[in-house]
Structures are given as structure tokens and as C-alpha cells.
């Protein structure tokens, strides 16, 4: 059975002391049984009126975008025990 894995990282602990450095480095992986769009994410992008390829980045999203994102996805974050 084919599985799809998507991996992303955030943070840059290697630039300690610089303005762009981060105190945390996070790697996240999502495993899906099929390569399909995640309906909740598609719906959220439509609600925010952003492009289908819009990437949610903490420092470039507005406060209202962050609130809507966390409100819709907090159940997933809790269900999978991710640390924010």
C-alpha cells in the first residue's frame, strides 16, 4: 500500500544570537494514505480568500488568519499531541 509522507521544518537554531535565529527547531511529518487535498485546509484557504497554494507562515500571516487557522485546526493539534 502506497503511503505519502510530507515533512516540513521550522526554525533556525544555527544562527544563535542573530535577529533571525530561533530558540526552537521543529520537524513535522504528516502521513496520508492518498495524495489528495486536505479538505479542512482547502476550506480554510477559501474562507481566507487566499490562493490554493498559500503557505501558512507564522510571521507573514495576519492576526485574524492565525486565529482562524488555530480555531479550525486546534482539534488536530491536540489529537496528535503536537507541541507548539
C-alpha atoms as a PDB file:
ATOM      1  CA  UNK A   1       0.000   0.000   0.000  1.00  0.00           C
ATOM      2  CA  UNK A   2       1.394   3.373  -1.042  1.00  0.00           C
ATOM      3  CA  UNK A   3       1.728   5.998   1.679  1.00  0.00           C
ATOM      4  CA  UNK A   4       2.576   9.661   1.265  1.00  0.00           C
ATOM      5  CA  UNK A   5       4.771  11.475   3.747  1.00  0.00           C
ATOM      6  CA  UNK A   6       5.121  15.239   3.901  1.00  0.00           C
ATOM      7  CA  UNK A   7       7.878  16.729   6.049  1.00  0.00           C
ATOM      8  CA  UNK A   8       8.449  20.366   6.981  1.00  0.00           C
ATOM      9  CA  UNK A   9      10.794  22.174   9.310  1.00  0.00           C
ATOM     10  CA  UNK A  10      10.649  25.457  11.124  1.00  0.00           C
ATOM     11  CA  UNK A  11      13.256  27.475  12.961  1.00  0.00           C
ATOM     12  CA  UNK A  12      16.956  28.053  12.517  1.00  0.00           C
ATOM     13  CA  UNK A  13      18.820  27.294  15.712  1.00  0.00           C
ATOM     14  CA  UNK A  14      22.157  27.563  13.859  1.00  0.00           C
ATOM     15  CA  UNK A  15      22.120  31.367  13.838  1.00  0.00           C
ATOM     16  CA  UNK A  16      22.281  31.807  17.607  1.00  0.00           C
ATOM     17  CA  UNK A  17      22.309  35.432  18.701  1.00  0.00           C
ATOM     18  CA  UNK A  18      21.218  36.818  15.345  1.00  0.00           C
ATOM     19  CA  UNK A  19      17.869  38.525  14.775  1.00  0.00           C
ATOM     20  CA  UNK A  20      16.674  35.691  12.527  1.00  0.00           C
ATOM     21  CA  UNK A  21      17.652  32.910  14.923  1.00  0.00           C
ATOM     22  CA  UNK A  22      15.132  30.743  16.735  1.00  0.00           C
ATOM     23  CA  UNK A  23      15.242  29.125  20.150  1.00  0.00           C
ATOM     24  CA  UNK A  24      13.430  26.049  18.757  1.00  0.00           C
ATOM     25  CA  UNK A  25      13.828  23.828  15.734  1.00  0.00           C
ATOM     26  CA  UNK A  26      10.761  21.767  14.812  1.00  0.00           C
ATOM     27  CA  UNK A  27      10.326  18.980  12.279  1.00  0.00           C
ATOM     28  CA  UNK A  28       6.799  17.847  11.446  1.00  0.00           C
ATOM     29  CA  UNK A  29       5.637  14.915   9.359  1.00  0.00           C
ATOM     30  CA  UNK A  30       2.189  14.061   8.041  1.00  0.00           C
ATOM     31  CA  UNK A  31       1.393  10.603   6.673  1.00  0.00           C
ATOM     32  CA  UNK A  32      -1.524  10.178   4.277  1.00  0.00           C
ATOM     33  CA  UNK A  33      -2.848   7.077   2.522  1.00  0.00           C
ATOM     34  CA  UNK A  34      -3.535   9.025  -0.689  1.00  0.00           C
ATOM     35  CA  UNK A  35      -2.197  12.139  -2.319  1.00  0.00           C
ATOM     36  CA  UNK A  36      -5.270  14.329  -2.035  1.00  0.00           C
ATOM     37  CA  UNK A  37      -6.025  17.803  -0.784  1.00  0.00           C
ATOM     38  CA  UNK A  38      -6.903  18.003   2.877  1.00  0.00           C
ATOM     39  CA  UNK A  39     -10.492  19.246   2.832  1.00  0.00           C
ATOM     40  CA  UNK A  40     -10.248  21.320   6.042  1.00  0.00           C
ATOM     41  CA  UNK A  41      -7.175  23.102   4.672  1.00  0.00           C
ATOM     42  CA  UNK A  42      -8.850  23.737   1.299  1.00  0.00           C
ATOM     43  CA  UNK A  43     -11.895  25.101   3.118  1.00  0.00           C
ATOM     44  CA  UNK A  44      -9.750  27.360   5.307  1.00  0.00           C
ATOM     45  CA  UNK A  45      -7.919  28.818   2.306  1.00  0.00           C
ATOM     46  CA  UNK A  46     -11.283  29.565   0.673  1.00  0.00           C
ATOM     47  CA  UNK A  47     -12.580  31.215   3.853  1.00  0.00           C
ATOM     48  CA  UNK A  48      -9.459  33.406   3.978  1.00  0.00           C
ATOM     49  CA  UNK A  49      -9.711  34.147   0.244  1.00  0.00           C
ATOM     50  CA  UNK A  50      -6.114  33.170  -0.431  1.00  0.00           C
ATOM     51  CA  UNK A  51      -4.608  31.161  -3.272  1.00  0.00           C
ATOM     52  CA  UNK A  52      -4.889  27.341  -3.168  1.00  0.00           C
ATOM     53  CA  UNK A  53      -1.089  27.221  -2.804  1.00  0.00           C
ATOM     54  CA  UNK A  54      -0.976  29.747   0.066  1.00  0.00           C
ATOM     55  CA  UNK A  55       1.515  28.633   2.710  1.00  0.00           C
ATOM     56  CA  UNK A  56       0.720  29.464   6.315  1.00  0.00           C
ATOM     57  CA  UNK A  57       3.839  31.023   7.847  1.00  0.00           C
ATOM     58  CA  UNK A  58       3.609  32.417  11.349  1.00  0.00           C
ATOM     59  CA  UNK A  59       5.450  35.688  10.723  1.00  0.00           C
ATOM     60  CA  UNK A  60       3.702  36.525   7.456  1.00  0.00           C
ATOM     61  CA  UNK A  61       0.088  35.757   8.376  1.00  0.00           C
ATOM     62  CA  UNK A  62      -2.224  38.308   9.938  1.00  0.00           C
ATOM     63  CA  UNK A  63      -3.652  38.012  13.429  1.00  0.00           C
ATOM     64  CA  UNK A  64      -7.083  37.130  12.031  1.00  0.00           C
ATOM     65  CA  UNK A  65      -5.569  34.426   9.769  1.00  0.00           C
ATOM     66  CA  UNK A  66      -3.737  32.923  12.752  1.00  0.00           C
ATOM     67  CA  UNK A  67      -6.909  32.948  14.848  1.00  0.00           C
ATOM     68  CA  UNK A  68      -8.957  31.230  12.141  1.00  0.00           C
ATOM     69  CA  UNK A  69      -6.200  28.673  11.489  1.00  0.00           C
ATOM     70  CA  UNK A  70      -5.751  27.768  15.150  1.00  0.00           C
ATOM     71  CA  UNK A  71      -9.513  27.684  15.718  1.00  0.00           C
ATOM     72  CA  UNK A  72     -10.099  25.239  12.880  1.00  0.00           C
ATOM     73  CA  UNK A  73      -7.064  23.049  13.477  1.00  0.00           C
ATOM     74  CA  UNK A  74      -6.672  23.049  17.261  1.00  0.00           C
ATOM     75  CA  UNK A  75      -8.561  19.741  17.470  1.00  0.00           C
ATOM     76  CA  UNK A  76      -5.965  18.127  15.199  1.00  0.00           C
ATOM     77  CA  UNK A  77      -3.076  19.584  17.177  1.00  0.00           C
ATOM     78  CA  UNK A  78      -4.499  18.212  20.414  1.00  0.00           C
ATOM     79  CA  UNK A  79      -5.428  14.853  18.874  1.00  0.00           C
ATOM     80  CA  UNK A  80      -1.895  14.229  17.669  1.00  0.00           C
ATOM     81  CA  UNK A  81      -0.137  15.730  20.681  1.00  0.00           C
ATOM     82  CA  UNK A  82       1.909  18.287  18.806  1.00  0.00           C
ATOM     83  CA  UNK A  83       3.808  20.848  20.829  1.00  0.00           C
ATOM     84  CA  UNK A  84       3.517  24.465  19.788  1.00  0.00           C
END
